[in-house]
Amino acid sequence: MLIELAQNKTDKATQRLGQLQGALTSAAEKLEMLLQYRQEYYEQLQAQMAQGVAASRWQNFQNFIGTLDGAIEQQRALSEQAKVKLLHGRTDWQNQKRRLSSFDTLADRVRQQELVTLNRREQRDSDEHTSRQFRLRSTASTD
């Protein structure tokens, strides 16, 4: 019963770890996409600036880059939070795995002890049977 409970908790921790890894991957991909988009946008503006850019266009660019930089910082924060959650999830999974292993080890020891007890009982029963047989033969031969 304890082993089943520990196994269920380990399974849930494993699923949670997979979800957390997926969340981290997703957050990292979104961050990379935002950084790439910012770089492309900046390169386009550089090319346009070589030909001359109106002041209003320059202002729009600065505003847009500012908004994009804010989104990048938010995504960085989300990515860091995902990393921390993944670390906690990994620690929880390791703890659950260790707990399950401890229960398995304990159950193995109990099974081994039961086997030793059973073997001793069988040996004692066999010895008693042999002793009875010997006594019966001895009694029969003296009569």
Foldseek 3Di string as FASTA:
>chain_A
DVLVVLVVQLVVLVVVLVVLVVQLVVLVVVLVVLVVVLVVLVVVVVVVVVVNDDPVVVVVNVVVSVVSVVVNVVSVVSNVVSVVVSVVSVVSSVVSVVVSVVVVVVVVVVVVVVVVVVVVVVVVVVVVVVVVVVVVVVVVVVD
